[in-house]
Amino acid sequence: MSPVLTTASVPDRDKVTYWNDALNRTLVPMTVTPRDDGPFDARIVTNRLGYLQVSTMEADAERVSRTPAQIARSSEALVAVGVQISGTATFVQDGRRAEVGEGDLVVCDRSRPYSFDYPHRFATHVFQLPRRVLGVPDTEIRQVTGHAIGTRDGFGAVLLPFLASLASATDAYPPAVADRLAGNVVDLIATLITERTHASGADAEDTARNHLLLRIRDHINQNLGDPDLSPESIAGAHRISIRYLHRLFEGEGTTVARLVQKRRLEECGRELARRGRTAPTVSAVAQRWGFVNPAHFSRAFRAAYGVSPREWRNLRTPQGDIALPPVRRPALSSTVADRPASDLAPSRG
C-alpha cells in the first residue's frame, strides 16, 4: 500500500512543521510557508517505479522555495516534472516566471534555486528522477525550466495524459514492469526537453506524433501472437484514448485494425513458406500469430493473397525463398480490413 503522509491527525500548532519535514524527507530539502492563517491541511502519497519517484501532493495555499543552502545538502542532482491537477501556481526558476494552470506541465531542476507560489488549494503530480539518466545536456534542461507546458504544446499533448494516468496506478505494477515504465517515462521526458529546445510549431507536433507511432508499431509487432491485441488494449498500454489512437493513424494510410491484421498475415505467410522436415499445420501457424478461428484466418488470408494458406504453403520453392507479395489493399478494405480489431480474434467457439 502507498505510504501517505498527512496533517489530518497532527495538532494545528504542529501541522506546518510536520509538512515541512514530510516534503524534506519525501522530495528534497525546501521551505514551505502557508499563505493563510487558519489550520493547514495537506497530504502526499509517494510510490516508486524503479529509479523514478512518483508523488501526488494536495495542500492548502502555500509558498514553496528551495535555496542554495538547501541544494548544498542534497547528495544527487535531481529533475522533477510536475503535472498540475487542480489549482494554479506561479513557478520561478532561472530568471523566468511561469503561470501554471490546471493540466499544465513544468520541468524543475532541483539543483538550482526555484519557488512555487500556490494562491489557493491545489493538487499536483510530481515525477522525480536523477538528472544523469535523462541523457540530455544541462544547457537544454536550463532552457525548459521556468516555463508552463500546456496540452496544446507539441509533445506535451502526448506526455501529459500519460503521466497523469501513470501516477494514479503506480502501485499496480510488478517490479519488472515498473522498471520498464520508468525507462519509458525517462525517454519521454528527454524527448520533451529536446523538442522544446530544438523544435517548434508543426515540427514539434510531428516529432511527438512520430515518436508515439514508433512505440505503438513496436508494441504491435511484439504482441502479434496475443489474440486479445486490439485498439482498446493498444490504447490502454500507451495510456491514451482510443479516439486519439485512431487520430494518430489518420495520416498513415491504414487503421490500427488493418495494421494488426496485415502484420499477422505477413508473419503467417513467412512461416508457411519456410521449408523444413516438419511443416506446422495451418491452424497451428494461425494460432501462433493471434488468429483463433481457422475459418476466419483462411478467409482473411485468401482475401489478402488470393490463395488459401494451404495453397500458399504448397507454392513454396524447394529453397523456401518464396517472395511474399504485398497484401491486396482493395480486398482488405472491402472485406476483412474494415472489421473492428475485436474481430481479428473471433470467439473461441
Protein backbone atom coordinates (compact mmCIF):
# COMPACT_ATOMS: atom_id res chain seq x y z
CA MET A 1 0.00 0.00 0.00
CA SER A 2 1.24 3.50 -0.87
CA PRO A 3 2.66 5.46 2.11
CA VAL A 4 0.54 8.53 2.92
CA LEU A 5 1.81 11.49 4.91
CA THR A 6 -0.98 13.81 6.05
CA THR A 7 -1.51 16.62 8.51
CA ALA A 8 -5.04 15.40 9.27
CA SER A 9 -4.23 13.92 12.68
CA VAL A 10 -1.47 16.38 13.60
CA PRO A 11 -2.23 19.14 16.18
CA ASP A 12 -2.81 22.51 14.49
CA ARG A 13 0.28 24.09 16.06
CA ASP A 14 2.50 21.34 14.58
CA LYS A 15 0.98 20.98 11.10
CA VAL A 16 3.35 23.32 9.25
CA THR A 17 6.44 21.83 10.89
CA TYR A 18 5.20 18.34 10.12
CA TRP A 19 4.52 19.26 6.49
CA ASN A 20 7.94 20.82 6.01
CA ASP A 21 9.57 17.70 7.42
CA ALA A 22 7.41 15.44 5.23
CA LEU A 23 8.38 17.22 2.00
CA ASN A 24 12.04 17.43 3.01
CA ARG A 25 12.15 13.66 3.58
CA THR A 26 10.00 12.69 0.60
CA LEU A 27 11.23 15.09 -2.10
CA VAL A 28 14.19 17.41 -1.41
CA PRO A 29 15.11 19.98 1.27
CA MET A 30 12.82 23.01 0.82
CA THR A 31 10.86 25.57 2.81
CA VAL A 32 7.06 25.63 2.88
CA THR A 33 5.17 28.67 4.14
CA PRO A 34 1.35 28.66 4.32
CA ARG A 35 -0.35 31.70 2.77
CA ASP A 36 -3.33 31.67 5.15
CA ASP A 37 -3.55 31.92 8.94
CA GLY A 38 -6.08 29.13 9.54
CA PRO A 39 -5.40 25.42 10.18
CA PHE A 40 -3.21 23.97 7.44
CA ASP A 41 -4.27 20.79 5.63
CA ALA A 42 -2.00 18.79 3.30
CA ARG A 43 -1.16 15.25 2.23
CA ILE A 44 1.33 13.49 -0.05
CA VAL A 45 1.29 9.93 -1.43
CA THR A 46 4.52 8.51 -2.84
CA ASN A 47 5.45 5.43 -4.87
CA ARG A 48 8.47 4.29 -6.84
CA LEU A 49 8.86 2.92 -10.35
CA GLY A 50 12.48 1.79 -10.36
CA TYR A 51 14.59 4.96 -10.06
CA LEU A 52 11.53 7.12 -10.76
CA GLN A 53 9.71 8.54 -7.73
CA VAL A 54 6.05 9.42 -8.26
CA SER A 55 4.23 11.59 -5.72
CA THR A 56 0.77 13.10 -5.60
CA MET A 57 0.53 16.17 -3.39
CA GLU A 58 -2.54 18.09 -2.24
CA ALA A 59 -2.36 21.09 0.07
CA ASP A 60 -3.83 24.43 1.11
CA ALA A 61 -2.41 27.66 -0.29
CA GLU A 62 1.34 27.80 0.29
CA ARG A 63 4.67 29.05 -0.99
CA VAL A 64 7.49 26.58 -1.63
CA SER A 65 11.10 27.66 -2.13
CA ARG A 66 14.49 25.98 -2.42
CA THR A 67 17.63 27.92 -1.56
CA PRO A 68 21.32 27.38 -2.46
CA ALA A 69 21.96 26.26 1.14
CA GLN A 70 19.27 23.60 0.86
CA ILE A 71 20.63 22.49 -2.53
CA ALA A 72 24.06 22.00 -0.96
CA ARG A 73 22.53 19.46 1.44
CA SER A 74 21.40 17.22 -1.45
CA SER A 75 23.69 14.38 -2.49
CA GLU A 76 22.31 13.88 -6.02
CA ALA A 77 21.20 16.19 -8.82
CA LEU A 78 17.51 15.62 -9.50
CA VAL A 79 14.96 16.81 -12.04
CA ALA A 80 11.24 16.97 -11.30
CA VAL A 81 8.34 17.12 -13.71
CA GLY A 82 5.10 18.41 -12.24
CA VAL A 83 1.59 17.96 -13.62
CA GLN A 84 -0.90 20.46 -12.21
CA ILE A 85 -4.09 18.56 -11.39
CA SER A 86 -6.06 21.41 -9.83
CA GLY A 87 -5.46 24.97 -8.73
CA THR A 88 -2.83 27.32 -10.11
CA ALA A 89 0.79 28.18 -9.37
CA THR A 90 3.45 30.73 -10.16
CA PHE A 91 6.73 28.97 -10.91
CA VAL A 92 10.02 30.90 -10.90
CA GLN A 93 13.40 29.46 -11.94
CA ASP A 94 16.43 30.66 -13.90
CA GLY A 95 15.08 34.19 -14.07
CA ARG A 96 11.80 33.13 -15.70
CA ARG A 97 8.30 33.30 -14.30
CA ALA A 98 5.52 30.95 -15.47
CA GLU A 99 1.83 30.99 -14.64
CA VAL A 100 0.82 27.33 -14.32
CA GLY A 101 -2.81 26.34 -14.81
CA GLU A 102 -4.73 23.10 -14.46
CA GLY A 103 -3.37 20.47 -16.84
CA ASP A 104 -0.07 22.28 -17.40
CA LEU A 105 3.30 20.62 -17.04
CA VAL A 106 6.53 22.10 -15.67
CA VAL A 107 10.15 20.91 -15.62
CA CYS A 108 12.05 21.88 -12.46
CA ASP A 109 15.80 21.43 -11.96
CA ARG A 110 16.23 20.64 -8.26
CA SER A 111 19.93 21.60 -8.41
CA ARG A 112 19.13 25.32 -8.89
CA PRO A 113 17.02 27.67 -6.75
CA TYR A 114 13.31 27.93 -7.53
CA SER A 115 9.96 28.77 -5.99
CA PHE A 116 6.31 27.74 -6.41
CA ASP A 117 3.55 30.03 -5.18
CA TYR A 118 0.11 28.39 -4.85
CA PRO A 119 -2.54 31.08 -4.09
CA HIS A 120 -5.31 28.55 -3.40
CA ARG A 121 -5.68 24.89 -2.52
CA PHE A 122 -4.09 22.73 -5.20
CA ALA A 123 -3.14 19.22 -6.26
CA THR A 124 -0.19 18.12 -8.38
CA HIS A 125 1.66 15.00 -9.53
CA VAL A 126 5.45 15.14 -9.12
CA PHE A 127 7.77 12.83 -11.08
CA GLN A 128 11.30 13.00 -9.66
CA LEU A 129 14.32 11.31 -11.24
CA PRO A 130 18.13 11.52 -11.29
CA ARG A 131 19.26 14.14 -13.79
CA ARG A 132 22.00 11.82 -15.08
CA VAL A 133 19.50 9.27 -16.51
CA LEU A 134 17.96 11.84 -18.87
CA GLY A 135 20.98 11.88 -21.16
CA VAL A 136 20.42 15.50 -22.25
CA PRO A 137 22.84 18.42 -21.73
CA ASP A 138 22.36 20.69 -18.71
CA THR A 139 22.03 23.61 -21.11
CA GLU A 140 18.90 22.06 -22.61
CA ILE A 141 17.34 21.39 -19.21
CA ARG A 142 18.02 25.03 -18.27
CA GLN A 143 16.12 26.17 -21.37
CA VAL A 144 12.89 24.42 -20.41
CA THR A 145 12.75 25.40 -16.72
CA GLY A 146 10.60 28.38 -15.74
CA HIS A 147 8.01 27.58 -18.44
CA ALA A 148 4.49 26.15 -18.33
CA ILE A 149 3.91 23.48 -20.98
CA GLY A 150 0.25 23.11 -21.95
CA THR A 151 -1.76 20.33 -23.55
CA ARG A 152 -1.58 22.09 -26.92
CA ASP A 153 2.20 22.43 -26.89
CA GLY A 154 3.58 19.68 -29.15
CA PHE A 155 4.82 16.69 -27.20
CA GLY A 156 3.17 17.93 -24.02
CA ALA A 157 -0.16 16.86 -25.53
CA VAL A 158 1.12 13.26 -25.57
CA LEU A 159 3.06 13.27 -22.31
CA LEU A 160 0.51 14.93 -20.01
CA PRO A 161 -2.27 12.31 -20.16
CA PHE A 162 0.29 9.51 -19.95
CA LEU A 163 1.87 10.88 -16.77
CA ALA A 164 -1.47 11.69 -15.16
CA SER A 165 -2.74 8.16 -15.79
CA LEU A 166 0.51 6.56 -14.63
CA ALA A 167 0.52 8.49 -11.36
CA SER A 168 -2.86 7.07 -10.39
CA ALA A 169 -1.74 3.43 -10.66
CA THR A 170 1.95 3.23 -9.73
CA ASP A 171 1.46 0.55 -7.07
CA ALA A 172 -0.30 -1.78 -9.52
CA TYR A 173 2.83 -2.83 -11.43
CA PRO A 174 5.23 -5.69 -10.62
CA PRO A 175 8.93 -4.70 -10.34
CA ALA A 176 9.90 -5.79 -13.86
CA VAL A 177 7.08 -3.77 -15.41
CA ALA A 178 7.81 -0.80 -13.13
CA ASP A 179 11.44 -0.71 -14.28
CA ARG A 180 10.40 -0.69 -17.94
CA LEU A 181 7.83 2.02 -17.30
CA ALA A 182 10.46 4.15 -15.57
CA GLY A 183 12.67 3.84 -18.63
CA ASN A 184 9.79 4.83 -20.91
CA VAL A 185 8.99 7.87 -18.76
CA VAL A 186 12.62 9.00 -18.85
CA ASP A 187 12.70 8.62 -22.65
CA LEU A 188 9.51 10.65 -22.97
CA ILE A 189 10.75 13.43 -20.68
CA ALA A 190 14.06 13.57 -22.58
CA THR A 191 12.08 13.81 -25.83
CA LEU A 192 10.02 16.65 -24.37
CA ILE A 193 13.16 18.58 -23.40
CA THR A 194 14.73 18.03 -26.81
CA GLU A 195 11.54 19.09 -28.57
CA ARG A 196 11.25 22.28 -26.51
CA THR A 197 14.85 23.26 -27.20
CA HIS A 198 15.19 22.25 -30.88
CA ALA A 199 11.75 22.08 -32.47
CA SER A 200 8.80 24.41 -32.76
CA GLY A 201 5.33 24.60 -34.24
CA ALA A 202 4.40 21.87 -36.70
CA ASP A 203 7.88 20.29 -36.44
CA ALA A 204 7.37 19.76 -32.71
CA GLU A 205 3.99 18.13 -33.22
CA ASP A 206 5.42 15.84 -35.90
CA THR A 207 8.26 14.82 -33.58
CA ALA A 208 5.82 13.90 -30.82
CA ARG A 209 3.47 12.04 -33.16
CA ASN A 210 6.24 10.08 -34.87
CA HIS A 211 7.79 9.08 -31.55
CA LEU A 212 4.50 7.71 -30.27
CA LEU A 213 3.72 5.95 -33.56
CA LEU A 214 7.06 4.15 -33.45
CA ARG A 215 6.33 2.93 -29.92
CA ILE A 216 2.85 1.74 -30.94
CA ARG A 217 4.14 -0.11 -34.01
CA ASP A 218 6.82 -1.79 -31.90
CA HIS A 219 4.17 -2.80 -29.35
CA ILE A 220 2.05 -4.33 -32.12
CA ASN A 221 5.00 -6.28 -33.53
CA GLN A 222 5.89 -7.59 -30.08
CA ASN A 223 2.33 -8.75 -29.34
CA LEU A 224 1.05 -10.16 -32.63
CA GLY A 225 0.60 -13.60 -31.05
CA ASP A 226 -1.79 -12.24 -28.43
CA PRO A 227 -5.35 -12.89 -29.66
CA ASP A 228 -6.58 -10.04 -27.44
CA LEU A 229 -4.44 -7.44 -29.21
CA SER A 230 -6.89 -4.70 -30.20
CA PRO A 231 -7.22 -0.91 -30.42
CA GLU A 232 -8.53 -0.99 -26.85
CA SER A 233 -5.54 -2.92 -25.48
CA ILE A 234 -3.06 -0.87 -27.53
CA ALA A 235 -4.51 2.44 -26.33
CA GLY A 236 -4.53 1.16 -22.76
CA ALA A 237 -0.88 0.06 -22.95
CA HIS A 238 0.14 3.56 -24.07
CA ARG A 239 -2.17 5.45 -21.71
CA ILE A 240 -4.04 7.24 -24.49
CA SER A 241 -7.68 7.22 -25.55
CA ILE A 242 -8.92 5.01 -28.38
CA ARG A 243 -10.06 8.14 -30.18
CA TYR A 244 -6.58 9.64 -30.01
CA LEU A 245 -5.08 6.33 -31.19
CA HIS A 246 -7.26 6.41 -34.31
CA ARG A 247 -6.32 10.06 -34.90
CA LEU A 248 -2.63 9.13 -34.87
CA PHE A 249 -3.20 6.67 -37.73
CA GLU A 250 -5.27 9.01 -39.89
CA GLY A 251 -2.18 10.05 -41.83
CA GLU A 252 -0.71 6.54 -42.05
CA GLY A 253 -2.91 5.27 -44.88
CA THR A 254 -4.29 2.48 -42.70
CA THR A 255 -6.15 1.84 -39.47
CA VAL A 256 -4.92 0.16 -36.32
CA ALA A 257 -7.08 -2.92 -37.01
CA ARG A 258 -5.78 -3.21 -40.58
CA LEU A 259 -2.18 -2.85 -39.46
CA VAL A 260 -2.56 -5.61 -36.85
CA GLN A 261 -4.16 -7.97 -39.37
CA LYS A 262 -1.65 -7.12 -42.11
CA ARG A 263 1.30 -7.85 -39.83
CA ARG A 264 -0.24 -11.11 -38.60
CA LEU A 265 -0.87 -12.29 -42.16
CA GLU A 266 2.69 -11.38 -43.17
CA GLU A 267 4.15 -13.47 -40.34
CA CYS A 268 1.82 -16.36 -41.15
CA GLY A 269 2.82 -16.17 -44.79
CA ARG A 270 6.53 -16.22 -43.97
CA GLU A 271 6.16 -19.18 -41.63
CA LEU A 272 4.06 -21.20 -44.08
CA ALA A 273 6.62 -20.54 -46.82
CA ARG A 274 9.51 -21.95 -44.80
CA ARG A 275 10.71 -25.36 -45.87
CA GLY A 276 11.70 -27.90 -43.27
CA ARG A 277 11.42 -31.53 -42.36
CA THR A 278 8.26 -30.98 -40.40
CA ALA A 279 5.90 -28.26 -41.54
CA PRO A 280 3.48 -26.89 -38.93
CA THR A 281 -0.20 -27.20 -39.62
CA VAL A 282 -2.04 -24.20 -40.98
CA SER A 283 -4.13 -23.93 -37.80
CA ALA A 284 -1.00 -24.05 -35.61
CA VAL A 285 0.56 -21.17 -37.56
CA ALA A 286 -2.66 -19.19 -37.40
CA GLN A 287 -2.94 -19.60 -33.63
CA ARG A 288 0.73 -18.72 -33.12
CA TRP A 289 0.09 -15.33 -34.73
CA GLY A 290 -3.14 -14.46 -32.95
CA PHE A 291 -5.86 -15.99 -35.15
CA VAL A 292 -8.16 -18.11 -33.01
CA ASN A 293 -10.68 -19.18 -35.62
CA PRO A 294 -9.12 -21.21 -38.51
CA ALA A 295 -12.02 -20.45 -40.87
CA HIS A 296 -11.68 -16.73 -40.27
CA PHE A 297 -7.92 -16.96 -40.83
CA SER A 298 -8.39 -18.77 -44.16
CA ARG A 299 -10.85 -16.14 -45.39
CA ALA A 300 -8.55 -13.30 -44.35
CA PHE A 301 -5.50 -14.96 -45.94
CA ARG A 302 -7.27 -15.59 -49.25
CA ALA A 303 -8.60 -12.02 -49.30
CA ALA A 304 -5.06 -10.73 -48.80
CA TYR A 305 -3.02 -13.02 -51.08
CA GLY A 306 -5.52 -14.57 -53.50
CA VAL A 307 -4.84 -18.16 -52.42
CA SER A 308 -5.66 -20.27 -49.38
CA PRO A 309 -3.00 -20.82 -46.67
CA ARG A 310 -2.65 -24.46 -47.77
CA GLU A 311 -2.17 -23.47 -51.41
CA TRP A 312 0.34 -20.84 -50.34
CA ARG A 313 2.40 -23.43 -48.48
CA ASN A 314 2.34 -25.77 -51.50
CA LEU A 315 3.62 -22.99 -53.76
CA ARG A 316 6.87 -22.60 -51.84
CA THR A 317 10.11 -23.30 -53.68
CA PRO A 318 12.46 -26.14 -52.64
CA GLN A 319 14.76 -23.44 -51.28
CA GLY A 320 11.93 -21.96 -49.24
CA ASP A 321 12.63 -18.47 -50.65
CA ILE A 322 9.16 -17.66 -51.90
CA ALA A 323 8.60 -13.94 -52.26
CA LEU A 324 5.88 -12.51 -50.09
CA PRO A 325 3.58 -10.37 -52.25
CA PRO A 326 2.04 -7.24 -50.80
CA VAL A 327 -1.30 -7.51 -49.11
CA ARG A 328 -4.03 -6.69 -51.60
CA ARG A 329 -5.44 -3.46 -50.19
CA PRO A 330 -8.72 -3.49 -52.17
CA ALA A 331 -9.57 -6.93 -50.82
CA LEU A 332 -8.79 -5.85 -47.27
CA SER A 333 -10.67 -2.60 -47.45
CA SER A 334 -13.78 -4.20 -48.89
CA THR A 335 -13.86 -7.31 -46.73
CA VAL A 336 -11.85 -8.17 -43.69
CA ALA A 337 -9.89 -4.98 -43.06
CA ASP A 338 -12.88 -2.81 -42.28
CA ARG A 339 -13.87 -5.08 -39.44
CA PRO A 340 -13.07 -3.85 -35.91
CA ALA A 341 -9.96 -5.24 -34.25
CA SER A 342 -12.13 -7.26 -31.89
CA ASP A 343 -12.97 -9.37 -34.94
CA LEU A 344 -9.30 -10.13 -35.50
CA ALA A 345 -9.62 -12.67 -32.69
CA PRO A 346 -13.07 -14.22 -33.18
CA SER A 347 -14.82 -16.04 -30.39
CA ARG A 348 -13.11 -19.18 -29.22
CA GLY A 349 -16.09 -21.33 -30.10
